[in-house]
Amino acid sequence: MSNTVILIPSRMSAERLPGKPLLKVNGLALISHVVKKAQETQIGDVIVATEDEEIVTEVKKNKGQAILTSKKPKTGTDRIWEALVQLDLKNIEYVINLQGDEPLIDINDIKNLDILSKKNNSDLSTLASNLEKKSFLVDQNIVKVQTNEKLEKNKLSKAINFLRNANNLKDNIYHHIGIYEFKVSTLKNYTSLNQTKNERKYKLEQLRAMENNIKVDVAYASSKSIGIDTKEDFMELKKIMEYNS
């Protein structure tokens, strides 16, 4: 039995693109594309955590697992903790928090993150890839991470900061990808902490960890990732996925 579970937080009321989990590409909702990717890793059980019955119905219709949470969680990570408590799974030591709007994430990058996290006994780890365009440095919809060393495929580097505008920074700036691997004990600790001022200001929940001295390790992702925050993002994703199908 795997000691790791993949939980995918999802909700219909995203501020910039309401209803995005159920937007369809090639006849399948975004959330179900992400579930299938997670299942292909074969790391552990894959369960969607959501406050919306429509998402539960969609996921189960496509042979996925989903659990209904309350509307109380302020972030996706708070939501997966609530789901984990509800599920009461035995012998789980690690939780992967995979964002429901990352259908292009490469399963090999997820596997590599899992391997490196366990090998290095990381409390919390995440992925980042190269920035493709200079304009991404100031694009508020693209989250950047600065690391203390250059990222390499088989090595973790410590995160120095997560930010939306990195225009004045030069060294070791990467495109952050929406996935985190927590030790269960770290996840419990993280969700017991209050949201920080900067977390609320920049809408970056990883800043709660950084500002409470929880070390965040970063692994290199070789694949391009597109987080879906706007209608334009979705149209770009749809074009890519339909072309490759």
Protein backbone atom coordinates (compact mmCIF):
# COMPACT_ATOMS: atom_id res chain seq x y z
CA MET A 1 0.00 0.00 0.00
CA SER A 2 1.30 3.47 -0.90
CA ASN A 3 2.17 5.87 1.91
CA THR A 4 1.27 8.81 -0.34
CA VAL A 5 -2.06 10.24 -1.44
CA ILE A 6 -2.65 12.83 -4.18
CA LEU A 7 -5.36 15.35 -3.27
CA ILE A 8 -6.64 17.86 -5.82
CA PRO A 9 -8.44 20.94 -4.42
CA SER A 10 -11.08 22.33 -6.75
CA ARG A 11 -13.96 24.79 -6.62
CA MET A 12 -16.34 26.48 -9.02
CA SER A 13 -16.02 30.02 -7.65
CA ALA A 14 -12.57 31.01 -8.92
CA GLU A 15 -12.49 34.82 -9.02
CA ARG A 16 -10.96 35.30 -12.48
CA LEU A 17 -12.55 32.33 -14.28
CA PRO A 18 -15.65 31.02 -12.48
CA GLY A 19 -16.60 27.45 -13.31
CA LYS A 20 -13.20 26.58 -14.78
CA PRO A 21 -12.98 23.00 -13.36
CA LEU A 22 -15.85 21.99 -15.64
CA LEU A 23 -14.63 23.75 -18.78
CA LYS A 24 -14.17 21.05 -21.39
CA VAL A 25 -11.31 20.21 -23.73
CA ASN A 26 -11.69 17.26 -26.08
CA GLY A 27 -15.00 16.43 -24.41
CA LEU A 28 -13.52 16.11 -20.90
CA ALA A 29 -13.62 18.64 -18.04
CA LEU A 30 -10.33 20.20 -16.90
CA ILE A 31 -10.60 18.61 -13.47
CA SER A 32 -10.95 15.15 -15.01
CA HIS A 33 -7.90 15.72 -17.23
CA VAL A 34 -5.88 16.49 -14.08
CA VAL A 35 -7.26 13.44 -12.25
CA LYS A 36 -6.22 11.19 -15.13
CA LYS A 37 -2.70 12.66 -15.13
CA ALA A 38 -2.41 12.07 -11.39
CA GLN A 39 -3.66 8.49 -11.73
CA GLU A 40 -1.07 7.78 -14.41
CA THR A 41 1.75 8.50 -11.94
CA GLN A 42 0.66 5.46 -9.88
CA ILE A 43 2.08 7.17 -6.79
CA GLY A 44 -1.03 6.61 -4.69
CA ASP A 45 -4.78 7.16 -4.51
CA VAL A 46 -6.06 10.29 -6.27
CA ILE A 47 -8.96 12.18 -4.68
CA VAL A 48 -10.53 15.54 -5.56
CA ALA A 49 -11.47 17.75 -2.60
CA THR A 50 -14.24 20.19 -3.43
CA GLU A 51 -17.10 22.19 -1.95
CA ASP A 52 -19.19 21.75 -5.11
CA GLU A 53 -21.52 18.84 -5.85
CA GLU A 54 -21.15 19.45 -9.60
CA ILE A 55 -17.42 18.70 -9.41
CA VAL A 56 -17.99 15.54 -7.36
CA THR A 57 -20.50 14.35 -9.97
CA GLU A 58 -18.15 15.12 -12.88
CA VAL A 59 -15.17 13.35 -11.30
CA LYS A 60 -17.12 10.24 -10.32
CA LYS A 61 -18.74 10.09 -13.76
CA ASN A 62 -15.24 9.66 -15.17
CA LYS A 63 -14.28 6.95 -12.66
CA GLY A 64 -12.39 9.26 -10.30
CA GLN A 65 -12.71 9.72 -6.55
CA ALA A 66 -13.97 12.91 -4.91
CA ILE A 67 -14.92 14.10 -1.46
CA LEU A 68 -17.18 17.00 -0.50
CA THR A 69 -15.66 19.53 1.90
CA SER A 70 -17.14 22.58 3.61
CA LYS A 71 -16.92 26.08 2.17
CA LYS A 72 -14.71 27.21 5.08
CA PRO A 73 -11.19 26.59 3.70
CA LYS A 74 -9.51 29.81 2.59
CA THR A 75 -6.96 28.07 0.34
CA GLY A 76 -6.53 24.85 -1.58
CA THR A 77 -4.06 23.54 1.01
CA ASP A 78 -6.51 24.19 3.84
CA ARG A 79 -9.11 22.31 1.80
CA ILE A 80 -6.97 19.23 1.30
CA TRP A 81 -6.23 19.08 5.03
CA GLU A 82 -9.96 19.11 5.77
CA ALA A 83 -10.42 16.33 3.21
CA LEU A 84 -7.55 14.29 4.66
CA VAL A 85 -9.08 14.49 8.15
CA GLN A 86 -12.45 13.40 6.74
CA LEU A 87 -10.93 10.51 4.81
CA ASP A 88 -9.08 9.19 7.87
CA LEU A 89 -6.65 7.25 5.69
CA LYS A 90 -4.25 4.88 7.44
CA ASN A 91 -0.45 4.85 7.06
CA ILE A 92 -0.32 7.99 4.93
CA GLU A 93 2.95 9.88 5.42
CA TYR A 94 2.95 12.20 2.40
CA VAL A 95 0.29 14.30 0.70
CA ILE A 96 0.68 15.71 -2.80
CA ASN A 97 -1.41 18.83 -3.37
CA LEU A 98 -1.95 18.99 -7.13
CA GLN A 99 -3.75 22.02 -8.54
CA GLY A 100 -6.88 21.28 -10.54
CA ASP A 101 -5.92 23.64 -13.36
CA GLU A 102 -2.59 22.08 -14.39
CA PRO A 103 -3.64 19.51 -17.05
CA LEU A 104 -0.34 19.81 -18.95
CA ILE A 105 1.84 18.86 -16.00
CA ASP A 106 4.16 15.99 -16.93
CA ILE A 107 3.71 12.80 -14.91
CA ASN A 108 7.48 12.27 -14.95
CA ASP A 109 7.96 15.61 -13.21
CA ILE A 110 5.44 14.58 -10.55
CA LYS A 111 7.25 11.27 -10.07
CA ASN A 112 10.61 13.02 -9.83
CA LEU A 113 9.27 15.41 -7.20
CA ASP A 114 8.01 12.47 -5.17
CA ILE A 115 11.32 10.59 -5.42
CA LEU A 116 13.45 13.60 -4.49
CA SER A 117 11.13 14.65 -1.65
CA LYS A 118 11.38 11.25 0.01
CA LYS A 119 15.08 10.80 -0.72
CA ASN A 120 15.87 14.17 0.89
CA ASN A 121 13.33 13.86 3.71
CA SER A 122 11.71 17.15 2.65
CA ASP A 123 9.01 18.67 4.81
CA LEU A 124 7.55 20.55 1.84
CA SER A 125 8.57 20.56 -1.81
CA THR A 126 7.34 21.91 -5.13
CA LEU A 127 8.20 22.18 -8.84
CA ALA A 128 9.45 24.96 -11.08
CA SER A 129 10.42 25.22 -14.75
CA ASN A 130 12.36 27.70 -16.87
CA LEU A 131 10.69 31.01 -17.68
CA GLU A 132 9.95 30.96 -21.39
CA LYS A 133 9.70 34.69 -21.98
CA LYS A 134 11.23 37.76 -20.39
CA SER A 135 7.74 39.27 -20.18
CA PHE A 136 6.79 36.52 -17.72
CA LEU A 137 8.92 38.27 -15.08
CA VAL A 138 6.24 40.94 -14.68
CA ASP A 139 3.17 38.89 -15.63
CA GLN A 140 1.04 38.89 -12.47
CA ASN A 141 -0.69 35.66 -13.49
CA ILE A 142 2.59 33.73 -13.57
CA VAL A 143 4.01 32.93 -10.14
CA LYS A 144 7.79 32.97 -9.91
CA VAL A 145 10.09 31.30 -7.41
CA GLN A 146 13.65 32.33 -6.64
CA THR A 147 15.97 29.57 -5.46
CA ASN A 148 19.32 29.69 -3.71
CA GLU A 149 20.96 27.53 -6.41
CA LYS A 150 20.40 26.79 -10.06
CA LEU A 151 17.83 24.02 -10.48
CA GLU A 152 19.06 20.64 -11.68
CA LYS A 153 16.95 17.60 -12.55
CA ASN A 154 18.11 15.30 -9.76
CA LYS A 155 18.73 17.86 -7.03
CA LEU A 156 16.55 20.02 -4.79
CA SER A 157 17.20 23.70 -4.18
CA LYS A 158 15.79 25.80 -1.36
CA ALA A 159 13.19 28.46 -2.23
CA ILE A 160 14.18 31.99 -1.24
CA ASN A 161 10.92 33.67 -2.23
CA PHE A 162 7.72 33.32 -4.25
CA LEU A 163 6.51 36.40 -6.08
CA ARG A 164 4.35 37.72 -8.89
CA ASN A 165 6.69 40.48 -10.07
CA ALA A 166 10.35 39.55 -10.44
CA ASN A 167 11.42 42.39 -12.71
CA ASN A 168 14.32 43.51 -10.53
CA LEU A 169 15.72 40.02 -9.92
CA LYS A 170 18.24 38.23 -12.13
CA ASP A 171 19.52 35.00 -10.59
CA ASN A 172 17.73 31.67 -10.31
CA ILE A 173 14.21 32.87 -11.17
CA TYR A 174 11.83 30.14 -12.32
CA HIS A 175 8.20 29.60 -13.29
CA HIS A 176 6.50 28.02 -10.29
CA ILE A 177 4.24 25.02 -10.99
CA GLY A 178 1.18 24.40 -8.83
CA ILE A 179 2.06 21.22 -6.96
CA TYR A 180 3.29 20.66 -3.41
CA GLU A 181 4.37 17.54 -1.57
CA PHE A 182 3.89 17.74 2.20
CA LYS A 183 4.81 15.43 5.01
CA VAL A 184 1.49 14.91 6.82
CA SER A 185 3.00 16.42 9.98
CA THR A 186 4.07 19.52 8.03
CA LEU A 187 0.64 19.86 6.42
CA LYS A 188 -1.01 19.67 9.85
CA ASN A 189 1.34 22.36 11.16
CA TYR A 190 0.90 24.58 8.09
CA THR A 191 -2.90 24.54 8.26
CA SER A 192 -2.85 25.39 11.98
CA LEU A 193 -1.15 28.70 11.17
CA ASN A 194 -3.01 31.90 10.39
CA GLN A 195 -2.82 33.35 6.91
CA THR A 196 -0.03 35.91 6.72
CA LYS A 197 -0.38 39.46 5.50
CA ASN A 198 1.68 38.78 2.35
CA GLU A 199 -0.17 35.55 1.65
CA ARG A 200 -3.43 37.49 1.53
CA LYS A 201 -1.94 40.44 -0.34
CA TYR A 202 -0.33 38.44 -3.13
CA LYS A 203 -2.70 35.44 -3.01
CA LEU A 204 0.25 33.06 -2.67
CA GLU A 205 -0.41 30.48 0.01
CA GLN A 206 3.20 29.24 -0.09
CA LEU A 207 4.21 32.50 1.61
CA ARG A 208 2.55 31.20 4.78
CA ALA A 209 5.15 28.46 4.86
CA MET A 210 8.06 30.77 4.03
CA GLU A 211 7.08 33.31 6.68
CA ASN A 212 6.73 30.65 9.36
CA ASN A 213 10.17 29.11 8.77
CA ILE A 214 8.89 26.04 6.92
CA LYS A 215 11.59 25.24 4.38
CA VAL A 216 10.32 24.80 0.82
CA ASP A 217 12.46 22.64 -1.48
CA VAL A 218 12.17 23.10 -5.26
CA ALA A 219 12.68 20.44 -7.94
CA TYR A 220 13.26 21.18 -11.61
CA ALA A 221 10.41 20.43 -14.03
CA SER A 222 11.38 19.84 -17.64
CA SER A 223 7.86 20.33 -18.98
CA LYS A 224 5.98 23.49 -19.79
CA SER A 225 3.02 24.21 -17.56
CA ILE A 226 -0.01 26.41 -18.09
CA GLY A 227 -2.08 27.33 -15.07
CA ILE A 228 -5.59 28.38 -16.08
CA ASP A 229 -6.40 31.73 -14.47
CA THR A 230 -8.09 33.60 -17.32
CA LYS A 231 -10.24 32.95 -20.38
CA GLU A 232 -7.14 33.61 -22.51
CA ASP A 233 -5.22 30.92 -20.60
CA PHE A 234 -8.01 28.45 -21.23
CA MET A 235 -8.14 29.22 -24.96
CA GLU A 236 -4.36 28.70 -25.23
CA LEU A 237 -4.61 25.41 -23.34
CA LYS A 238 -7.53 24.26 -25.48
CA LYS A 239 -5.57 25.01 -28.65
CA ILE A 240 -2.54 23.02 -27.42
CA MET A 241 -4.49 20.02 -26.16
CA GLU A 242 -6.76 19.77 -29.19
CA TYR A 243 -3.77 20.04 -31.54
CA ASN A 244 -1.94 17.23 -29.71
CA SER A 245 -4.96 14.92 -29.51
